[in-house]
Protein backbone atom coordinates (compact mmCIF):
# COMPACT_ATOMS: atom_id res chain seq x y z
CA UNK A 1 0.00 0.00 0.00
CA UNK A 2 1.12 3.50 -0.63
CA UNK A 3 1.50 5.95 2.20
CA UNK A 4 -1.45 8.03 0.96
CA UNK A 5 -3.77 5.04 1.03
CA UNK A 6 -2.53 4.11 4.51
CA UNK A 7 -3.10 7.68 5.73
CA UNK A 8 -6.64 7.79 4.32
CA UNK A 9 -7.40 4.38 5.79
CA UNK A 10 -6.06 5.46 9.20
CA UNK A 11 -8.22 8.60 9.19
CA UNK A 12 -11.28 6.57 8.16
CA UNK A 13 -10.75 3.94 10.88
CA UNK A 14 -10.14 6.56 13.57
CA UNK A 15 -13.28 8.48 12.55
CA UNK A 16 -15.33 5.30 12.86
CA UNK A 17 -13.76 4.51 16.23
CA UNK A 18 -14.53 7.97 17.58
CA UNK A 19 -18.09 7.84 16.28
CA UNK A 20 -18.75 4.43 17.81
CA UNK A 21 -17.22 5.27 21.17
CA UNK A 22 -19.72 8.00 22.04
CA UNK A 23 -22.26 6.76 24.56
CA UNK A 24 -26.02 7.16 24.51
CA UNK A 25 -27.58 10.59 24.79
CA UNK A 26 -27.71 11.94 28.32
CA UNK A 27 -31.34 13.03 27.95
CA UNK A 28 -33.35 10.09 26.61
CA UNK A 29 -36.57 12.14 26.26
CA UNK A 30 -35.91 15.71 25.19
CA UNK A 31 -38.56 18.31 25.88
CA UNK A 32 -41.13 18.51 23.12
CA UNK A 33 -42.26 21.94 22.04
CA UNK A 34 -45.65 22.50 20.46
CA UNK A 35 -45.33 23.04 16.73
CA UNK A 36 -48.99 23.23 15.92
CA UNK A 37 -52.15 24.61 17.39
CA UNK A 38 -53.05 23.75 20.95
CA UNK A 39 -56.48 22.19 21.52
CA UNK A 40 -58.70 24.65 23.34
CA UNK A 41 -61.61 22.30 23.93
CA UNK A 42 -61.70 19.10 25.92
CA UNK A 43 -63.43 15.96 24.77
CA UNK A 44 -63.74 12.33 25.72
CA UNK A 45 -64.22 9.34 23.44
CA UNK A 46 -64.73 5.65 24.11
CA UNK A 47 -61.99 3.36 22.82
CA UNK A 48 -62.45 -0.10 21.33
CA UNK A 49 -61.10 -1.56 24.60
CA UNK A 50 -63.99 -0.04 26.54
CA UNK A 51 -61.81 2.63 28.15
CA UNK A 52 -62.35 6.36 27.88
CA UNK A 53 -59.79 8.64 26.26
CA UNK A 54 -59.88 12.17 27.69
CA UNK A 55 -57.81 14.86 26.02
CA UNK A 56 -57.32 16.66 29.36
CA UNK A 57 -55.38 13.67 30.73
CA UNK A 58 -52.73 14.14 28.03
CA UNK A 59 -52.13 17.87 28.46
CA UNK A 60 -48.51 18.75 27.81
CA UNK A 61 -47.82 15.75 25.56
CA UNK A 62 -48.23 15.64 21.79
CA UNK A 63 -51.43 13.90 20.72
CA UNK A 64 -52.23 12.92 17.14
CA UNK A 65 -55.90 12.30 16.45
CA UNK A 66 -56.76 10.53 13.21
CA UNK A 67 -60.41 10.65 12.22
CA UNK A 68 -60.99 8.22 9.39
CA UNK A 69 -63.83 6.42 7.72
CA UNK A 70 -63.82 3.17 5.80
CA UNK A 71 -66.26 2.99 2.95
C-alpha atoms as a PDB file:
ATOM      1  CA  UNK A   1       0.000   0.000   0.000  1.00  0.00           C
ATOM      2  CA  UNK A   2       1.118   3.497  -0.632  1.00  0.00           C
ATOM      3  CA  UNK A   3       1.505   5.948   2.197  1.00  0.00           C
ATOM      4  CA  UNK A   4      -1.446   8.032   0.958  1.00  0.00           C
ATOM      5  CA  UNK A   5      -3.772   5.037   1.029  1.00  0.00           C
ATOM      6  CA  UNK A   6      -2.531   4.110   4.511  1.00  0.00           C
ATOM      7  CA  UNK A   7      -3.102   7.678   5.734  1.00  0.00           C
ATOM      8  CA  UNK A   8      -6.637   7.788   4.325  1.00  0.00           C
ATOM      9  CA  UNK A   9      -7.398   4.376   5.793  1.00  0.00           C
ATOM     10  CA  UNK A  10      -6.057   5.459   9.199  1.00  0.00           C
ATOM     11  CA  UNK A  11      -8.219   8.597   9.188  1.00  0.00           C
ATOM     12  CA  UNK A  12     -11.275   6.570   8.165  1.00  0.00           C
ATOM     13  CA  UNK A  13     -10.754   3.941  10.880  1.00  0.00           C
ATOM     14  CA  UNK A  14     -10.136   6.558  13.572  1.00  0.00           C
ATOM     15  CA  UNK A  15     -13.280   8.477  12.548  1.00  0.00           C
ATOM     16  CA  UNK A  16     -15.328   5.302  12.857  1.00  0.00           C
ATOM     17  CA  UNK A  17     -13.763   4.509  16.228  1.00  0.00           C
ATOM     18  CA  UNK A  18     -14.532   7.975  17.579  1.00  0.00           C
ATOM     19  CA  UNK A  19     -18.094   7.839  16.279  1.00  0.00           C
ATOM     20  CA  UNK A  20     -18.749   4.426  17.811  1.00  0.00           C
ATOM     21  CA  UNK A  21     -17.219   5.273  21.170  1.00  0.00           C
ATOM     22  CA  UNK A  22     -19.717   7.996  22.037  1.00  0.00           C
ATOM     23  CA  UNK A  23     -22.260   6.758  24.561  1.00  0.00           C
ATOM     24  CA  UNK A  24     -26.024   7.160  24.514  1.00  0.00           C
ATOM     25  CA  UNK A  25     -27.584  10.586  24.791  1.00  0.00           C
ATOM     26  CA  UNK A  26     -27.709  11.945  28.325  1.00  0.00           C
ATOM     27  CA  UNK A  27     -31.339  13.033  27.948  1.00  0.00           C
ATOM     28  CA  UNK A  28     -33.354  10.087  26.611  1.00  0.00           C
ATOM     29  CA  UNK A  29     -36.568  12.136  26.261  1.00  0.00           C
ATOM     30  CA  UNK A  30     -35.910  15.708  25.190  1.00  0.00           C
ATOM     31  CA  UNK A  31     -38.557  18.306  25.883  1.00  0.00           C
ATOM     32  CA  UNK A  32     -41.129  18.512  23.117  1.00  0.00           C
ATOM     33  CA  UNK A  33     -42.258  21.943  22.039  1.00  0.00           C
ATOM     34  CA  UNK A  34     -45.651  22.498  20.462  1.00  0.00           C
ATOM     35  CA  UNK A  35     -45.332  23.036  16.731  1.00  0.00           C
ATOM     36  CA  UNK A  36     -48.985  23.226  15.921  1.00  0.00           C
ATOM     37  CA  UNK A  37     -52.154  24.613  17.387  1.00  0.00           C
ATOM     38  CA  UNK A  38     -53.049  23.750  20.952  1.00  0.00           C
ATOM     39  CA  UNK A  39     -56.482  22.192  21.516  1.00  0.00           C
ATOM     40  CA  UNK A  40     -58.697  24.653  23.340  1.00  0.00           C
ATOM     41  CA  UNK A  41     -61.605  22.302  23.934  1.00  0.00           C
ATOM     42  CA  UNK A  42     -61.701  19.098  25.922  1.00  0.00           C
ATOM     43  CA  UNK A  43     -63.431  15.957  24.773  1.00  0.00           C
ATOM     44  CA  UNK A  44     -63.738  12.329  25.720  1.00  0.00           C
ATOM     45  CA  UNK A  45     -64.215   9.344  23.439  1.00  0.00           C
ATOM     46  CA  UNK A  46     -64.735   5.650  24.106  1.00  0.00           C
ATOM     47  CA  UNK A  47     -61.987   3.357  22.819  1.00  0.00           C
ATOM     48  CA  UNK A  48     -62.448  -0.097  21.333  1.00  0.00           C
ATOM     49  CA  UNK A  49     -61.104  -1.555  24.600  1.00  0.00           C
ATOM     50  CA  UNK A  50     -63.992  -0.039  26.544  1.00  0.00           C
ATOM     51  CA  UNK A  51     -61.807   2.634  28.149  1.00  0.00           C
ATOM     52  CA  UNK A  52     -62.348   6.356  27.880  1.00  0.00           C
ATOM     53  CA  UNK A  53     -59.789   8.645  26.258  1.00  0.00           C
ATOM     54  CA  UNK A  54     -59.880  12.166  27.693  1.00  0.00           C
ATOM     55  CA  UNK A  55     -57.809  14.856  26.023  1.00  0.00           C
ATOM     56  CA  UNK A  56     -57.320  16.659  29.357  1.00  0.00           C
ATOM     57  CA  UNK A  57     -55.382  13.673  30.729  1.00  0.00           C
ATOM     58  CA  UNK A  58     -52.734  14.139  28.026  1.00  0.00           C
ATOM     59  CA  UNK A  59     -52.129  17.872  28.456  1.00  0.00           C
ATOM     60  CA  UNK A  60     -48.514  18.746  27.807  1.00  0.00           C
ATOM     61  CA  UNK A  61     -47.821  15.754  25.560  1.00  0.00           C
ATOM     62  CA  UNK A  62     -48.233  15.638  21.789  1.00  0.00           C
ATOM     63  CA  UNK A  63     -51.426  13.897  20.717  1.00  0.00           C
ATOM     64  CA  UNK A  64     -52.229  12.924  17.142  1.00  0.00           C
ATOM     65  CA  UNK A  65     -55.895  12.300  16.447  1.00  0.00           C
ATOM     66  CA  UNK A  66     -56.758  10.532  13.215  1.00  0.00           C
ATOM     67  CA  UNK A  67     -60.408  10.652  12.219  1.00  0.00           C
ATOM     68  CA  UNK A  68     -60.993   8.216   9.390  1.00  0.00           C
ATOM     69  CA  UNK A  69     -63.833   6.417   7.720  1.00  0.00           C
ATOM     70  CA  UNK A  70     -63.816   3.165   5.799  1.00  0.00           C
ATOM     71  CA  UNK A  71     -66.258   2.994   2.953  1.00  0.00           C
END
